[in-house]
Structure formats: structure tokens, C-alpha cells
C-alpha atoms as a PDB file:
ATOM      1  CA  UNK A   1      -0.123  -0.059   0.018  1.00  0.00           C
ATOM      2  CA  UNK A   2       1.481   3.352  -0.692  1.00  0.00           C
ATOM      3  CA  UNK A   3      -0.108   6.934  -1.016  1.00  0.00           C
ATOM      4  CA  UNK A   4      -0.962   8.554  -3.925  1.00  0.00           C
ATOM      5  CA  UNK A   5      -2.524  12.329  -5.005  1.00  0.00           C
ATOM      6  CA  UNK A   6      -5.589  10.575  -4.777  1.00  0.00           C
ATOM      7  CA  UNK A   7      -5.203   8.953  -1.509  1.00  0.00           C
ATOM      8  CA  UNK A   8      -3.997   5.044  -0.447  1.00  0.00           C
ATOM      9  CA  UNK A   9      -3.596   3.290  -3.427  1.00  0.00           C
ATOM     10  CA  UNK A  10      -3.699  -0.351  -2.963  1.00  0.00           C
ATOM     11  CA  UNK A  11      -2.142  -2.366  -5.599  1.00  0.00           C
ATOM     12  CA  UNK A  12      -3.743  -5.720  -6.924  1.00  0.00           C
ATOM     13  CA  UNK A  13      -0.048  -6.997  -7.669  1.00  0.00           C
ATOM     14  CA  UNK A  14      -0.243  -6.939 -11.551  1.00  0.00           C
ATOM     15  CA  UNK A  15       1.505  -3.923 -12.712  1.00  0.00           C
ATOM     16  CA  UNK A  16       0.106  -3.886 -15.749  1.00  0.00           C
ATOM     17  CA  UNK A  17      -3.958  -3.650 -13.973  1.00  0.00           C
ATOM     18  CA  UNK A  18      -2.840  -1.185 -11.415  1.00  0.00           C
ATOM     19  CA  UNK A  19      -1.649   0.780 -14.514  1.00  0.00           C
ATOM     20  CA  UNK A  20      -5.399   0.108 -16.226  1.00  0.00           C
ATOM     21  CA  UNK A  21      -7.485   0.388 -13.842  1.00  0.00           C
ATOM     22  CA  UNK A  22      -5.324   2.423 -10.743  1.00  0.00           C
ATOM     23  CA  UNK A  23      -5.127   0.069  -8.341  1.00  0.00           C
ATOM     24  CA  UNK A  24      -7.323  -0.054  -5.446  1.00  0.00           C
ATOM     25  CA  UNK A  25      -8.519   2.404  -2.971  1.00  0.00           C
ATOM     26  CA  UNK A  26      -8.833   1.819   0.977  1.00  0.00           C
ATOM     27  CA  UNK A  27     -12.481   1.641   2.167  1.00  0.00           C
ATOM     28  CA  UNK A  28     -13.880   0.574  -1.258  1.00  0.00           C
ATOM     29  CA  UNK A  29     -15.658  -2.585  -2.016  1.00  0.00           C
ATOM     30  CA  UNK A  30     -14.525  -3.620  -5.965  1.00  0.00           C
ATOM     31  CA  UNK A  31     -16.545  -6.314  -7.336  1.00  0.00           C
ATOM     32  CA  UNK A  32     -14.790  -8.710 -10.254  1.00  0.00           C
ATOM     33  CA  UNK A  33     -17.122  -9.582 -12.544  1.00  0.00           C
ATOM     34  CA  UNK A  34     -17.402 -11.906 -15.907  1.00  0.00           C
ATOM     35  CA  UNK A  35     -18.374 -14.678 -18.100  1.00  0.00           C
ATOM     36  CA  UNK A  36     -18.333 -18.711 -16.199  1.00  0.00           C
ATOM     37  CA  UNK A  37     -14.959 -19.998 -16.591  1.00  0.00           C
ATOM     38  CA  UNK A  38     -12.582 -17.168 -17.774  1.00  0.00           C
ATOM     39  CA  UNK A  39     -10.816 -17.227 -14.366  1.00  0.00           C
ATOM     40  CA  UNK A  40     -12.062 -14.560 -12.109  1.00  0.00           C
ATOM     41  CA  UNK A  41     -11.151 -17.104  -9.493  1.00  0.00           C
ATOM     42  CA  UNK A  42      -8.101 -17.846 -10.107  1.00  0.00           C
ATOM     43  CA  UNK A  43      -7.646 -13.824 -10.474  1.00  0.00           C
ATOM     44  CA  UNK A  44      -8.843 -12.686  -7.551  1.00  0.00           C
ATOM     45  CA  UNK A  45      -6.887 -15.711  -5.585  1.00  0.00           C
ATOM     46  CA  UNK A  46      -4.273 -14.596  -6.974  1.00  0.00           C
ATOM     47  CA  UNK A  47      -4.445 -11.075  -5.990  1.00  0.00           C
ATOM     48  CA  UNK A  48      -4.652 -12.381  -2.193  1.00  0.00           C
ATOM     49  CA  UNK A  49      -2.171 -14.134  -2.064  1.00  0.00           C
ATOM     50  CA  UNK A  50       0.593 -11.307  -3.254  1.00  0.00           C
ATOM     51  CA  UNK A  51      -1.745  -9.579  -0.085  1.00  0.00           C
ATOM     52  CA  UNK A  52      -0.844 -12.466   2.263  1.00  0.00           C
ATOM     53  CA  UNK A  53       2.734 -12.596   1.512  1.00  0.00           C
ATOM     54  CA  UNK A  54       2.756  -8.541   1.741  1.00  0.00           C
ATOM     55  CA  UNK A  55       1.435  -8.628   5.348  1.00  0.00           C
ATOM     56  CA  UNK A  56      -1.917  -7.471   3.860  1.00  0.00           C
ATOM     57  CA  UNK A  57      -5.168  -8.318   5.585  1.00  0.00           C
ATOM     58  CA  UNK A  58      -7.890  -9.609   2.898  1.00  0.00           C
ATOM     59  CA  UNK A  59     -11.197 -11.640   2.718  1.00  0.00           C
ATOM     60  CA  UNK A  60     -12.627 -13.127   0.609  1.00  0.00           C
ATOM     61  CA  UNK A  61     -16.524 -13.267   0.151  1.00  0.00           C
ATOM     62  CA  UNK A  62     -17.868 -16.278  -2.368  1.00  0.00           C
ATOM     63  CA  UNK A  63     -21.728 -17.508  -3.074  1.00  0.00           C
ATOM     64  CA  UNK A  64     -20.675 -19.786  -5.613  1.00  0.00           C
ATOM     65  CA  UNK A  65     -17.786 -21.737  -4.019  1.00  0.00           C
ATOM     66  CA  UNK A  66     -17.887 -23.626  -0.769  1.00  0.00           C
ATOM     67  CA  UNK A  67     -14.490 -22.626   1.662  1.00  0.00           C
ATOM     68  CA  UNK A  68     -13.043 -26.445   0.845  1.00  0.00           C
ATOM     69  CA  UNK A  69     -13.412 -25.345  -2.951  1.00  0.00           C
ATOM     70  CA  UNK A  70     -11.376 -21.987  -2.369  1.00  0.00           C
ATOM     71  CA  UNK A  71      -8.759 -23.713  -0.564  1.00  0.00           C
ATOM     72  CA  UNK A  72      -8.139 -26.477  -3.718  1.00  0.00           C
ATOM     73  CA  UNK A  73      -8.071 -23.225  -5.314  1.00  0.00           C
ATOM     74  CA  UNK A  74      -5.632 -21.911  -3.540  1.00  0.00           C
ATOM     75  CA  UNK A  75      -3.315 -24.440  -3.382  1.00  0.00           C
ATOM     76  CA  UNK A  76      -3.816 -24.694  -6.675  1.00  0.00           C
ATOM     77  CA  UNK A  77      -2.280 -21.392  -7.634  1.00  0.00           C
ATOM     78  CA  UNK A  78      -0.124 -21.958  -4.666  1.00  0.00           C
ATOM     79  CA  UNK A  79       1.875 -24.889  -6.520  1.00  0.00           C
ATOM     80  CA  UNK A  80       0.773 -24.667 -10.280  1.00  0.00           C
ATOM     81  CA  UNK A  81      -0.693 -27.554 -10.205  1.00  0.00           C
ATOM     82  CA  UNK A  82      -3.964 -27.914 -12.058  1.00  0.00           C
ATOM     83  CA  UNK A  83      -7.020 -27.975 -10.673  1.00  0.00           C
ATOM     84  CA  UNK A  84      -8.033 -31.466 -12.324  1.00  0.00           C
ATOM     85  CA  UNK A  85      -4.767 -33.031 -10.845  1.00  0.00           C
ATOM     86  CA  UNK A  86      -5.276 -32.059  -7.143  1.00  0.00           C
ATOM     87  CA  UNK A  87      -9.352 -33.471  -7.937  1.00  0.00           C
ATOM     88  CA  UNK A  88      -7.800 -36.950  -9.287  1.00  0.00           C
ATOM     89  CA  UNK A  89      -7.674 -40.254  -6.949  1.00  0.00           C
ATOM     90  CA  UNK A  90      -5.631 -42.758  -8.175  1.00  0.00           C
END
């Protein structure tokens, strides 16, 4: 998080996205929307992991996924193991 002329700037963790969207502002609600299957959850989880590494408190609310499904996706993003490979039982 850093100060800018417009107030507190919170990086998304993606430099190009910050350039295009201006990052996030403290106290604002940001909604990520799009068609199914285009990677919204993966994007958000990558942003969250970036903040966790930098000791920035985060929260996520999903009306679609259970906490177990979110945990599986976090493991997939962090380990770079495809989600379907984590779910395969041998």
C-alpha cells in the first residue's frame, strides 16, 4: 500500500492491471465480474496471495464456492498444479 495524490493506493499485485485500473482504493468495494470459466476466481486468489505475502489483511466472500473449493483453488494457484489434477484420486 502506498500514498498517491488521490489517496491510499492498494496494488492488485499485477503491475499492468494497476496501470489500467489504477489499483484499489482503501475503503472501496471492488466487484470482479465476467462470463463463467474465464478465470475470475484465479485472478482474485492470485491477488489475495500477493497481499498475504505482504502482510496485508484480506477477505473473500463467494456465493458460488465452498471454503473447501476455495482452499483447493488456492493450493492450485500456489503450487501451479492444475485444479483437475488435485481432484484426481488414484
